[in-house]
PDB file of N, CA and C in Angstrom:
ATOM      1  N   PHE A   1       0.821  -1.204   0.000  1.00  0.00           N
ATOM      2  CA  PHE A   1       0.000   0.000   0.000  1.00  0.00           C
ATOM      3  C   PHE A   1       0.863   1.265   0.000  1.00  0.00           C
ATOM      4  N   LEU A   2       1.868   1.317   0.873  1.00  0.00           N
ATOM      5  CA  LEU A   2       2.684   2.528   0.969  1.00  0.00           C
ATOM      6  C   LEU A   2       3.501   2.816  -0.294  1.00  0.00           C
ATOM      7  N   PRO A   3       4.095   1.816  -0.957  1.00  0.00           N
ATOM      8  CA  PRO A   3       4.764   2.134  -2.223  1.00  0.00           C
ATOM      9  C   PRO A   3       3.808   2.707  -3.271  1.00  0.00           C
ATOM     10  N   ALA A   4       2.585   2.208  -3.310  1.00  0.00           N
ATOM     11  CA  ALA A   4       1.600   2.766  -4.244  1.00  0.00           C
ATOM     12  C   ALA A   4       1.256   4.198  -3.871  1.00  0.00           C
ATOM     13  N   VAL A   5       1.128   4.480  -2.586  1.00  0.00           N
ATOM     14  CA  VAL A   5       0.850   5.847  -2.131  1.00  0.00           C
ATOM     15  C   VAL A   5       1.995   6.771  -2.528  1.00  0.00           C
ATOM     16  N   ILE A   6       3.216   6.294  -2.391  1.00  0.00           N
ATOM     17  CA  ILE A   6       4.375   7.111  -2.760  1.00  0.00           C
ATOM     18  C   ILE A   6       4.346   7.451  -4.244  1.00  0.00           C
ATOM     19  N   VAL A   7       4.114   6.461  -5.077  1.00  0.00           N
ATOM     20  CA  VAL A   7       4.084   6.699  -6.528  1.00  0.00           C
ATOM     21  C   VAL A   7       2.961   7.663  -6.889  1.00  0.00           C
ATOM     22  N   ILE A   8       1.787   7.458  -6.329  1.00  0.00           N
ATOM     23  CA  ILE A   8       0.644   8.328  -6.634  1.00  0.00           C
ATOM     24  C   ILE A   8       0.915   9.758  -6.190  1.00  0.00           C
ATOM     25  N   THR A   9       1.440   9.938  -4.982  1.00  0.00           N
ATOM     26  CA  THR A   9       1.661  11.293  -4.491  1.00  0.00           C
ATOM     27  C   THR A   9       2.792  12.001  -5.232  1.00  0.00           C
ATOM     28  N   ILE A  10       3.817  11.269  -5.634  1.00  0.00           N
ATOM     29  CA  ILE A  10       4.878  11.911  -6.415  1.00  0.00           C
ATOM     30  C   ILE A  10       4.338  12.343  -7.772  1.00  0.00           C
ATOM     31  N   ILE A  11       3.568  11.491  -8.416  1.00  0.00           N
ATOM     32  CA  ILE A  11       3.006  11.846  -9.726  1.00  0.00           C
ATOM     33  C   ILE A  11       2.053  13.029  -9.603  1.00  0.00           C
ATOM     34  N   MET A  12       1.177  12.984  -8.614  1.00  0.00           N
ATOM     35  CA  MET A  12       0.254  14.112  -8.435  1.00  0.00           C
ATOM     36  C   MET A  12       0.988  15.367  -7.981  1.00  0.00           C
ATOM     37  N   GLY A  13       2.070  15.194  -7.210  1.00  0.00           N
ATOM     38  CA  GLY A  13       2.850  16.342  -6.767  1.00  0.00           C
ATOM     39  C   GLY A  13       3.561  17.052  -7.900  1.00  0.00           C
ATOM     40  N   THR A  14       3.871  16.332  -8.973  1.00  0.00           N
ATOM     41  CA  THR A  14       4.511  16.983 -10.114  1.00  0.00           C
ATOM     42  C   THR A  14       3.535  17.859 -10.879  1.00  0.00           C
ATOM     43  N   MET A  15       2.259  17.513 -10.828  1.00  0.00           N
ATOM     44  CA  MET A  15       1.276  18.225 -11.639  1.00  0.00           C
ATOM     45  C   MET A  15       0.447  19.245 -10.872  1.00  0.00           C
ATOM     46  N   LEU A  16       0.247  19.026  -9.580  1.00  0.00           N
ATOM     47  CA  LEU A  16      -0.614  19.898  -8.785  1.00  0.00           C
ATOM     48  C   LEU A  16       0.157  20.479  -7.615  1.00  0.00           C
ATOM     49  N   GLU A  17      -0.375  21.552  -7.079  1.00  0.00           N
ATOM     50  CA  GLU A  17       0.180  22.132  -5.858  1.00  0.00           C
ATOM     51  C   GLU A  17      -0.016  21.157  -4.703  1.00  0.00           C
ATOM     52  N   SER A  18       0.878  21.177  -3.738  1.00  0.00           N
ATOM     53  CA  SER A  18       0.842  20.205  -2.638  1.00  0.00           C
ATOM     54  C   SER A  18      -0.448  20.276  -1.839  1.00  0.00           C
ATOM     55  N   PHE A  19      -0.921  21.490  -1.553  1.00  0.00           N
ATOM     56  CA  PHE A  19      -2.146  21.621  -0.766  1.00  0.00           C
ATOM     57  C   PHE A  19      -3.328  20.973  -1.479  1.00  0.00           C
ATOM     58  N   VAL A  20      -3.426  21.191  -2.775  1.00  0.00           N
ATOM     59  CA  VAL A  20      -4.523  20.605  -3.552  1.00  0.00           C
ATOM     60  C   VAL A  20      -4.433  19.082  -3.532  1.00  0.00           C
ATOM     61  N   THR A  21      -3.233  18.566  -3.668  1.00  0.00           N
ATOM     62  CA  THR A  21      -3.049  17.122  -3.662  1.00  0.00           C
ATOM     63  C   THR A  21      -3.388  16.525  -2.306  1.00  0.00           C
ATOM     64  N   ILE A  22      -3.015  17.209  -1.234  1.00  0.00           N
ATOM     65  CA  ILE A  22      -3.358  16.729   0.106  1.00  0.00           C
ATOM     66  C   ILE A  22      -4.865  16.724   0.299  1.00  0.00           C
ATOM     67  N   VAL A  23      -5.531  17.772  -0.143  1.00  0.00           N
ATOM     68  CA  VAL A  23      -6.990  17.845  -0.007  1.00  0.00           C
ATOM     69  C   VAL A  23      -7.663  16.728  -0.800  1.00  0.00           C
ATOM     70  N   ILE A  24      -7.093  16.351  -1.920  1.00  0.00           N
ATOM     71  CA  ILE A  24      -7.680  15.284  -2.736  1.00  0.00           C
ATOM     72  C   ILE A  24      -7.358  13.900  -2.166  1.00  0.00           C
ATOM     73  N   LEU A  25      -6.092  13.645  -1.856  1.00  0.00           N
ATOM     74  CA  LEU A  25      -5.667  12.290  -1.499  1.00  0.00           C
ATOM     75  C   LEU A  25      -5.860  11.917  -0.035  1.00  0.00           C
ATOM     76  N   ALA A  26      -5.647  12.841   0.870  1.00  0.00           N
ATOM     77  CA  ALA A  26      -5.683  12.491   2.296  1.00  0.00           C
ATOM     78  C   ALA A  26      -7.021  11.904   2.731  1.00  0.00           C
ATOM     79  N   PRO A  27      -8.155  12.505   2.390  1.00  0.00           N
ATOM     80  CA  PRO A  27      -9.419  11.890   2.819  1.00  0.00           C
ATOM     81  C   PRO A  27      -9.685  10.528   2.184  1.00  0.00           C
ATOM     82  N   LEU A  28      -9.112  10.284   1.025  1.00  0.00           N
ATOM     83  CA  LEU A  28      -9.325   9.000   0.359  1.00  0.00           C
ATOM     84  C   LEU A  28      -8.439   7.893   0.925  1.00  0.00           C
ATOM     85  N   LEU A  29      -7.182   8.205   1.183  1.00  0.00           N
ATOM     86  CA  LEU A  29      -6.223   7.169   1.542  1.00  0.00           C
ATOM     87  C   LEU A  29      -5.991   7.022   3.043  1.00  0.00           C
ATOM     88  N   TYR A  30      -6.294   8.049   3.830  1.00  0.00           N
ATOM     89  CA  TYR A  30      -6.051   7.983   5.274  1.00  0.00           C
ATOM     90  C   TYR A  30      -6.853   6.880   5.957  1.00  0.00           C
ATOM     91  N   PRO A  31      -8.152   6.728   5.681  1.00  0.00           N
ATOM     92  CA  PRO A  31      -8.885   5.627   6.317  1.00  0.00           C
ATOM     93  C   PRO A  31      -8.333   4.246   5.948  1.00  0.00           C
ATOM     94  N   VAL A  32      -7.865   4.110   4.729  1.00  0.00           N
ATOM     95  CA  VAL A  32      -7.278   2.832   4.314  1.00  0.00           C
ATOM     96  C   VAL A  32      -5.986   2.578   5.095  1.00  0.00           C
ATOM     97  N   ALA A  33      -5.184   3.620   5.269  1.00  0.00           N
ATOM     98  CA  ALA A  33      -3.940   3.476   6.029  1.00  0.00           C
ATOM     99  C   ALA A  33      -4.230   3.080   7.472  1.00  0.00           C
ATOM    100  N   LEU A  34      -5.254   3.668   8.062  1.00  0.00           N
ATOM    101  CA  LEU A  34      -5.615   3.299   9.435  1.00  0.00           C
ATOM    102  C   LEU A  34      -6.080   1.852   9.513  1.00  0.00           C
ATOM    103  N   GLN A  35      -6.865   1.420   8.533  1.00  0.00           N
ATOM    104  CA  GLN A  35      -7.341   0.034   8.514  1.00  0.00           C
ATOM    105  C   GLN A  35      -6.179  -0.955   8.394  1.00  0.00           C
ATOM    106  N   LEU A  36      -5.127  -0.552   7.699  1.00  0.00           N
ATOM    107  CA  LEU A  36      -3.965  -1.421   7.523  1.00  0.00           C
ATOM    108  C   LEU A  36      -2.986  -1.328   8.693  1.00  0.00           C
ATOM    109  N   GLY A  37      -3.284  -0.490   9.672  1.00  0.00           N
ATOM    110  CA  GLY A  37      -2.440  -0.379  10.858  1.00  0.00           C
ATOM    111  C   GLY A  37      -1.223   0.510  10.693  1.00  0.00           C
ATOM    112  N   ILE A  38      -1.255   1.400   9.725  1.00  0.00           N
ATOM    113  CA  ILE A  38      -0.137   2.317   9.503  1.00  0.00           C
ATOM    114  C   ILE A  38      -0.286   3.495  10.459  1.00  0.00           C
ATOM    115  N   ASP A  39       0.799   3.855  11.110  1.00  0.00           N
ATOM    116  CA  ASP A  39       0.791   4.960  12.059  1.00  0.00           C
ATOM    117  C   ASP A  39       0.442   6.266  11.335  1.00  0.00           C
ATOM    118  N   PRO A  40      -0.481   7.061  11.875  1.00  0.00           N
ATOM    119  CA  PRO A  40      -0.871   8.309  11.206  1.00  0.00           C
ATOM    120  C   PRO A  40       0.292   9.285  11.013  1.00  0.00           C
ATOM    121  N   LEU A  41       1.182   9.358  11.984  1.00  0.00           N
ATOM    122  CA  LEU A  41       2.334  10.250  11.864  1.00  0.00           C
ATOM    123  C   LEU A  41       3.253   9.797  10.730  1.00  0.00           C
ATOM    124  N   GLN A  42       3.518   8.516  10.661  1.00  0.00           N
ATOM    125  CA  GLN A  42       4.360   7.985   9.593  1.00  0.00           C
ATOM    126  C   GLN A  42       3.711   8.234   8.235  1.00  0.00           C
ATOM    127  N   TYR A  43       2.407   8.020   8.157  1.00  0.00           N
ATOM    128  CA  TYR A  43       1.691   8.226   6.901  1.00  0.00           C
ATOM    129  C   TYR A  43       1.783   9.687   6.454  1.00  0.00           C
ATOM    130  N   GLY A  44       1.609  10.606   7.387  1.00  0.00           N
ATOM    131  CA  GLY A  44       1.701  12.027   7.053  1.00  0.00           C
ATOM    132  C   GLY A  44       3.091  12.426   6.599  1.00  0.00           C
ATOM    133  N   ILE A  45       4.106  11.894   7.243  1.00  0.00           N
ATOM    134  CA  ILE A  45       5.481  12.215   6.859  1.00  0.00           C
ATOM    135  C   ILE A  45       5.806  11.635   5.487  1.00  0.00           C
ATOM    136  N   ILE A  46       5.340  10.434   5.220  1.00  0.00           N
ATOM    137  CA  ILE A  46       5.575   9.821   3.906  1.00  0.00           C
ATOM    138  C   ILE A  46       4.918  10.651   2.808  1.00  0.00           C
ATOM    139  N   MET A  47       3.678  11.066   3.026  1.00  0.00           N
ATOM    140  CA  MET A  47       2.996  11.874   2.008  1.00  0.00           C
ATOM    141  C   MET A  47       3.697  13.216   1.817  1.00  0.00           C
ATOM    142  N   THR A  48       4.127  13.844   2.906  1.00  0.00           N
ATOM    143  CA  THR A  48       4.801  15.136   2.804  1.00  0.00           C
ATOM    144  C   THR A  48       6.122  15.014   2.051  1.00  0.00           C
ATOM    145  N   GLU A  49       6.896  13.990   2.349  1.00  0.00           N
ATOM    146  CA  GLU A  49       8.153  13.784   1.629  1.00  0.00           C
ATOM    147  C   GLU A  49       7.910  13.498   0.151  1.00  0.00           C
ATOM    148  N   ALA A  50       6.907  12.701  -0.145  1.00  0.00           N
ATOM    149  CA  ALA A  50       6.603  12.383  -1.546  1.00  0.00           C
ATOM    150  C   ALA A  50       6.162  13.633  -2.303  1.00  0.00           C
ATOM    151  N   PHE A  51       5.378  14.503  -1.659  1.00  0.00           N
ATOM    152  CA  PHE A  51       4.994  15.763  -2.307  1.00  0.00           C
ATOM    153  C   PHE A  51       6.213  16.630  -2.548  1.00  0.00           C
ATOM    154  N   GLY A  52       7.110  16.667  -1.567  1.00  0.00           N
ATOM    155  CA  GLY A  52       8.326  17.456  -1.722  1.00  0.00           C
ATOM    156  C   GLY A  52       9.172  16.987  -2.890  1.00  0.00           C
ATOM    157  N   ILE A  53       9.238  15.695  -3.089  1.00  0.00           N
ATOM    158  CA  ILE A  53       9.971  15.159  -4.236  1.00  0.00           C
ATOM    159  C   ILE A  53       9.226  15.486  -5.526  1.00  0.00           C
ATOM    160  N   GLY A  54       7.913  15.367  -5.500  1.00  0.00           N
ATOM    161  CA  GLY A  54       7.122  15.605  -6.702  1.00  0.00           C
ATOM    162  C   GLY A  54       7.197  17.029  -7.215  1.00  0.00           C
ATOM    163  N   ILE A  55       7.251  18.013  -6.312  1.00  0.00           N
ATOM    164  CA  ILE A  55       7.222  19.399  -6.786  1.00  0.00           C
ATOM    165  C   ILE A  55       8.549  19.867  -7.368  1.00  0.00           C
ATOM    166  N   ILE A  56       9.617  19.081  -7.201  1.00  0.00           N
ATOM    167  CA  ILE A  56      10.893  19.484  -7.804  1.00  0.00           C
ATOM    168  C   ILE A  56      11.280  18.627  -9.005  1.00  0.00           C
ATOM    169  N   LEU A  57      10.498  17.590  -9.296  1.00  0.00           N
ATOM    170  CA  LEU A  57      10.862  16.699 -10.402  1.00  0.00           C
ATOM    171  C   LEU A  57      10.637  17.358 -11.759  1.00  0.00           C
ATOM    172  N   PRO A  58      11.641  17.329 -12.622  1.00  0.00           N
ATOM    173  CA  PRO A  58      11.406  17.786 -13.983  1.00  0.00           C
ATOM    174  C   PRO A  58      10.565  16.764 -14.730  1.00  0.00           C
ATOM    175  N   PRO A  59       9.850  17.055 -15.728  1.00  0.00           N
ATOM    176  CA  PRO A  59       9.736  18.322 -16.438  1.00  0.00           C
ATOM    177  C   PRO A  59       8.594  19.208 -15.953  1.00  0.00           C
ATOM    178  N   ILE A  60       7.759  18.732 -15.037  1.00  0.00           N
ATOM    179  CA  ILE A  60       6.573  19.501 -14.661  1.00  0.00           C
ATOM    180  C   ILE A  60       6.699  20.129 -13.281  1.00  0.00           C
ATOM    181  N   GLY A  61       7.688  19.795 -12.493  1.00  0.00           N
ATOM    182  CA  GLY A  61       7.787  20.223 -11.100  1.00  0.00           C
ATOM    183  C   GLY A  61       7.612  21.723 -10.913  1.00  0.00           C
ATOM    184  N   ILE A  62       6.594  22.099 -10.162  1.00  0.00           N
ATOM    185  CA  ILE A  62       6.245  23.504  -9.972  1.00  0.00           C
ATOM    186  C   ILE A  62       7.367  24.259  -9.274  1.00  0.00           C
ATOM    187  N   ALA A  63       7.931  23.684  -8.230  1.00  0.00           N
ATOM    188  CA  ALA A  63       8.981  24.370  -7.472  1.00  0.00           C
ATOM    189  C   ALA A  63      10.228  24.585  -8.325  1.00  0.00           C
ATOM    190  N   LEU A  64      10.510  23.669  -9.218  1.00  0.00           N
ATOM    191  CA  LEU A  64      11.659  23.821 -10.111  1.00  0.00           C
ATOM    192  C   LEU A  64      11.466  25.032 -11.018  1.00  0.00           C
ATOM    193  N   TYR A  65      10.276  25.187 -11.584  1.00  0.00           N
ATOM    194  CA  TYR A  65       9.993  26.336 -12.440  1.00  0.00           C
ATOM    195  C   TYR A  65      10.052  27.641 -11.657  1.00  0.00           C
ATOM    196  N   VAL A  66       9.513  27.652 -10.450  1.00  0.00           N
ATOM    197  CA  VAL A  66       9.533  28.865  -9.628  1.00  0.00           C
ATOM    198  C   VAL A  66      10.969  29.234  -9.268  1.00  0.00           C
ATOM    199  N   ALA A  67      11.763  28.255  -8.853  1.00  0.00           N
ATOM    200  CA  ALA A  67      13.157  28.522  -8.490  1.00  0.00           C
ATOM    201  C   ALA A  67      13.949  29.038  -9.687  1.00  0.00           C
ATOM    202  N   CYS A  68      13.699  28.469 -10.853  1.00  0.00           N
ATOM    203  CA  CYS A  68      14.400  28.927 -12.054  1.00  0.00           C
ATOM    204  C   CYS A  68      13.955  30.327 -12.458  1.00  0.00           C
ATOM    205  N   ALA A  69      12.680  30.625 -12.295  1.00  0.00           N
ATOM    206  CA  ALA A  69      12.193  31.960 -12.628  1.00  0.00           C
ATOM    207  C   ALA A  69      12.778  33.010 -11.688  1.00  0.00           C
ATOM    208  N   ILE A  70      12.885  32.688 -10.418  1.00  0.00           N
ATOM    209  CA  ILE A  70      13.434  33.642  -9.454  1.00  0.00           C
ATOM    210  C   ILE A  70      14.933  33.841  -9.670  1.00  0.00           C
ATOM    211  N   SER A  71      15.648  32.759  -9.907  1.00  0.00           N
ATOM    212  CA  SER A  71      17.106  32.853 -10.038  1.00  0.00           C
ATOM    213  C   SER A  71      17.561  33.244 -11.438  1.00  0.00           C
ATOM    214  N   GLY A  72      16.689  33.088 -12.417  1.00  0.00           N
ATOM    215  CA  GLY A  72      17.063  33.387 -13.791  1.00  0.00           C
ATOM    216  C   GLY A  72      17.816  32.255 -14.469  1.00  0.00           C
ATOM    217  N   ALA A  73      17.880  31.108 -13.832  1.00  0.00           N
ATOM    218  CA  ALA A  73      18.582  29.955 -14.406  1.00  0.00           C
ATOM    219  C   ALA A  73      17.694  29.241 -15.420  1.00  0.00           C
ATOM    220  N   GLN A  74      18.322  28.543 -16.332  1.00  0.00           N
ATOM    221  CA  GLN A  74      17.570  27.741 -17.284  1.00  0.00           C
ATOM    222  C   GLN A  74      17.167  26.432 -16.621  1.00  0.00           C
ATOM    223  N   ILE A  75      15.995  25.932 -16.989  1.00  0.00           N
ATOM    224  CA  ILE A  75      15.471  24.718 -16.368  1.00  0.00           C
ATOM    225  C   ILE A  75      16.370  23.521 -16.673  1.00  0.00           C
ATOM    226  N   GLU A  76      16.870  23.436 -17.890  1.00  0.00           N
ATOM    227  CA  GLU A  76      17.742  22.325 -18.253  1.00  0.00           C
ATOM    228  C   GLU A  76      19.015  22.326 -17.405  1.00  0.00           C
ATOM    229  N   ARG A  77      19.539  23.513 -17.179  1.00  0.00           N
ATOM    230  CA  ARG A  77      20.774  23.623 -16.395  1.00  0.00           C
ATOM    231  C   ARG A  77      20.527  23.330 -14.917  1.00  0.00           C
ATOM    232  N   ALA A  78      19.376  23.716 -14.405  1.00  0.00           N
ATOM    233  CA  ALA A  78      19.073  23.502 -12.988  1.00  0.00           C
ATOM    234  C   ALA A  78      18.651  22.064 -12.706  1.00  0.00           C
ATOM    235  N   SER A  79      18.042  21.404 -13.672  1.00  0.00           N
ATOM    236  CA  SER A  79      17.534  20.058 -13.406  1.00  0.00           C
ATOM    237  C   SER A  79      18.622  18.983 -13.476  1.00  0.00           C
ATOM    238  N   LYS A  80      19.719  19.265 -14.141  1.00  0.00           N
ATOM    239  CA  LYS A  80      20.783  18.261 -14.230  1.00  0.00           C
ATOM    240  C   LYS A  80      21.391  17.935 -12.858  1.00  0.00           C
ATOM    241  N   PRO A  81      21.799  18.907 -12.049  1.00  0.00           N
ATOM    242  CA  PRO A  81      22.304  18.566 -10.709  1.00  0.00           C
ATOM    243  C   PRO A  81      21.217  17.993  -9.802  1.00  0.00           C
ATOM    244  N   LEU A  82      19.995  18.378 -10.052  1.00  0.00           N
ATOM    245  CA  LEU A  82      18.878  17.879  -9.252  1.00  0.00           C
ATOM    246  C   LEU A  82      18.710  16.373  -9.421  1.00  0.00           C
ATOM    247  N   LEU A  83      18.996  15.866 -10.602  1.00  0.00           N
ATOM    248  CA  LEU A  83      18.869  14.431 -10.841  1.00  0.00           C
ATOM    249  C   LEU A  83      19.879  13.618 -10.029  1.00  0.00           C
ATOM    250  N   TRP A  84      21.000  14.225  -9.634  1.00  0.00           N
ATOM    251  CA  TRP A  84      21.955  13.546  -8.757  1.00  0.00           C
ATOM    252  C   TRP A  84      21.452  13.522  -7.319  1.00  0.00           C
ATOM    253  N   TYR A  85      20.673  14.506  -6.954  1.00  0.00           N
ATOM    254  CA  TYR A  85      20.133  14.608  -5.599  1.00  0.00           C
ATOM    255  C   TYR A  85      18.905  13.722  -5.408  1.00  0.00           C
ATOM    256  N   LEU A  86      18.231  13.409  -6.474  1.00  0.00           N
ATOM    257  CA  LEU A  86      16.992  12.632  -6.426  1.00  0.00           C
ATOM    258  C   LEU A  86      17.155  11.249  -5.788  1.00  0.00           C
ATOM    259  N   PRO A  87      18.183  10.465  -6.088  1.00  0.00           N
ATOM    260  CA  PRO A  87      18.321   9.165  -5.414  1.00  0.00           C
ATOM    261  C   PRO A  87      18.465   9.278  -3.895  1.00  0.00           C
ATOM    262  N   VAL A  88      19.096  10.348  -3.424  1.00  0.00           N
ATOM    263  CA  VAL A  88      19.225  10.554  -1.977  1.00  0.00           C
ATOM    264  C   VAL A  88      17.852  10.813  -1.364  1.00  0.00           C
ATOM    265  N   LEU A  89      17.053  11.638  -2.027  1.00  0.00           N
ATOM    266  CA  LEU A  89      15.701  11.909  -1.537  1.00  0.00           C
ATOM    267  C   LEU A  89      14.849  10.645  -1.529  1.00  0.00           C
ATOM    268  N   LEU A  90      14.931   9.868  -2.589  1.00  0.00           N
ATOM    269  CA  LEU A  90      14.153   8.629  -2.658  1.00  0.00           C
ATOM    270  C   LEU A  90      14.621   7.610  -1.627  1.00  0.00           C
ATOM    271  N   ALA A  91      15.922   7.540  -1.383  1.00  0.00           N
ATOM    272  CA  ALA A  91      16.430   6.618  -0.362  1.00  0.00           C
ATOM    273  C   ALA A  91      15.918   7.011   1.019  1.00  0.00           C
ATOM    274  N   GLY A  92      15.901   8.301   1.308  1.00  0.00           N
ATOM    275  CA  GLY A  92      15.358   8.760   2.585  1.00  0.00           C
ATOM    276  C   GLY A  92      13.884   8.452   2.717  1.00  0.00           C
ATOM    277  N   LEU A  93      13.151   8.631   1.635  1.00  0.00           N
ATOM    278  CA  LEU A  93      11.718   8.334   1.650  1.00  0.00           C
ATOM    279  C   LEU A  93      11.471   6.844   1.861  1.00  0.00           C
ATOM    280  N   LEU A  94      12.225   6.008   1.190  1.00  0.00           N
ATOM    281  CA  LEU A  94      12.065   4.560   1.368  1.00  0.00           C
ATOM    282  C   LEU A  94      12.484   4.116   2.766  1.00  0.00           C
ATOM    283  N   LEU A  95      13.488   4.755   3.313  1.00  0.00           N
ATOM    284  CA  LEU A  95      13.917   4.426   4.672  1.00  0.00           C
ATOM    285  C   LEU A  95      12.825   4.765   5.684  1.00  0.00           C
ATOM    286  N   VAL A  96      12.222   5.926   5.539  1.00  0.00           N
ATOM    287  CA  VAL A  96      11.119   6.312   6.430  1.00  0.00           C
ATOM    288  C   VAL A  96       9.919   5.394   6.223  1.00  0.00           C
ATOM    289  N   THR A  97       9.706   4.957   4.999  1.00  0.00           N
ATOM    290  CA  THR A  97       8.564   4.095   4.704  1.00  0.00           C
ATOM    291  C   THR A  97       8.710   2.717   5.329  1.00  0.00           C
ATOM    292  N   PHE A  98       9.862   2.116   5.196  1.00  0.00           N
ATOM    293  CA  PHE A  98      10.016   0.727   5.616  1.00  0.00           C
ATOM    294  C   PHE A  98      10.640   0.548   7.003  1.00  0.00           C
ATOM    295  N   VAL A  99      11.021   1.641   7.650  1.00  0.00           N
ATOM    296  CA  VAL A  99      11.501   1.597   9.039  1.00  0.00           C
ATOM    297  C   VAL A  99      10.658   2.592   9.839  1.00  0.00           C
ATOM    298  N   PRO A 100       9.469   2.196  10.279  1.00  0.00           N
ATOM    299  CA  PRO A 100       8.554   3.129  10.940  1.00  0.00           C
ATOM    300  C   PRO A 100       9.111   3.732  12.225  1.00  0.00           C
ATOM    301  N   ALA A 101      10.062   3.077  12.856  1.00  0.00           N
ATOM    302  CA  ALA A 101      10.617   3.598  14.108  1.00  0.00           C
ATOM    303  C   ALA A 101      11.301   4.947  13.914  1.00  0.00           C
ATOM    304  N   ILE A 102      11.753   5.234  12.705  1.00  0.00           N
ATOM    305  CA  ILE A 102      12.405   6.514  12.443  1.00  0.00           C
ATOM    306  C   ILE A 102      11.444   7.670  12.722  1.00  0.00           C
ATOM    307  N   THR A 103      10.192   7.507  12.372  1.00  0.00           N
ATOM    308  CA  THR A 103       9.228   8.590  12.552  1.00  0.00           C
ATOM    309  C   THR A 103       8.500   8.542  13.883  1.00  0.00           C
ATOM    310  N   THR A 104       8.489   7.414  14.538  1.00  0.00           N
ATOM    311  CA  THR A 104       7.664   7.292  15.743  1.00  0.00           C
ATOM    312  C   THR A 104       8.448   7.218  17.044  1.00  0.00           C
ATOM    313  N   VAL A 105       9.753   7.044  16.994  1.00  0.00           N
ATOM    314  CA  VAL A 105      10.504   6.837  18.230  1.00  0.00           C
ATOM    315  C   VAL A 105      10.525   8.090  19.103  1.00  0.00           C
ATOM    316  N   LEU A 106      10.746   9.257  18.540  1.00  0.00           N
ATOM    317  CA  LEU A 106      10.805  10.474  19.350  1.00  0.00           C
ATOM    318  C   LEU A 106       9.453  10.825  19.972  1.00  0.00           C
ATOM    319  N   PRO A 107       8.348  10.810  19.216  1.00  0.00           N
ATOM    320  CA  PRO A 107       7.056  11.057  19.869  1.00  0.00           C
ATOM    321  C   PRO A 107       6.731  10.029  20.951  1.00  0.00           C
ATOM    322  N   ASN A 108       7.126   8.782  20.754  1.00  0.00           N
ATOM    323  CA  ASN A 108       6.887   7.761  21.776  1.00  0.00           C
ATOM    324  C   ASN A 108       7.717   8.017  23.027  1.00  0.00           C
ATOM    325  N   TRP A 109       8.969   8.445  22.855  1.00  0.00           N
ATOM    326  CA  TRP A 109       9.809   8.762  24.013  1.00  0.00           C
ATOM    327  C   TRP A 109       9.235   9.920  24.816  1.00  0.00           C
ATOM    328  N   LEU A 110       8.644  10.883  24.120  1.00  0.00           N
ATOM    329  CA  LEU A 110       8.102  12.071  24.783  1.00  0.00           C
ATOM    330  C   LEU A 110       6.654  11.889  25.215  1.00  0.00           C
ATOM    331  N   ASN A 111       6.123  10.677  25.046  1.00  0.00           N
ATOM    332  CA  ASN A 111       4.724  10.374  25.374  1.00  0.00           C
ATOM    333  C   ASN A 111       3.753  11.325  24.689  1.00  0.00           C
ATOM    334  N   PHE A 112       4.043  11.649  23.449  1.00  0.00           N
ATOM    335  CA  PHE A 112       3.186  12.538  22.673  1.00  0.00           C
ATOM    336  C   PHE A 112       2.022  11.745  22.113  1.00  0.00           C
ATOM    337  N   LYS A 113       0.818  12.205  22.362  1.00  0.00           N
ATOM    338  CA  LYS A 113      -0.386  11.541  21.857  1.00  0.00           C
ATOM    339  C   LYS A 113      -0.900  12.307  20.644  1.00  0.00           C
ATOM    340  N   TYR A 114      -1.025  11.625  19.542  1.00  0.00           N
ATOM    341  CA  TYR A 114      -1.532  12.251  18.324  1.00  0.00           C
ATOM    342  C   TYR A 114      -2.688  11.486  17.777  1.00  0.00           C
TER     343      TYR A 114
END
């Protein structure tokens, strides 16, 4: 379920603004995540990271276009170094996805109820 959520949110994140994507996907997928026993905090962090990756992915990434417009850089020139950074972002996302303790250990230590 979580790998499918990651793919869907990255694809939607490339085409839509993050807030719009959250409003569309969260009410649909959150109850399913709860039924499958996925921690709500972990689920929220996974979706947020996937949106963050989606908004910078070329060729449609909104944040990439905004950053290039502000800096005056060409999109082709800015996206080339970004492609080297992408595997690091995906590795972090997969690590958070498949090792839930990364996202839940600190709130559990602090007895935070969410």
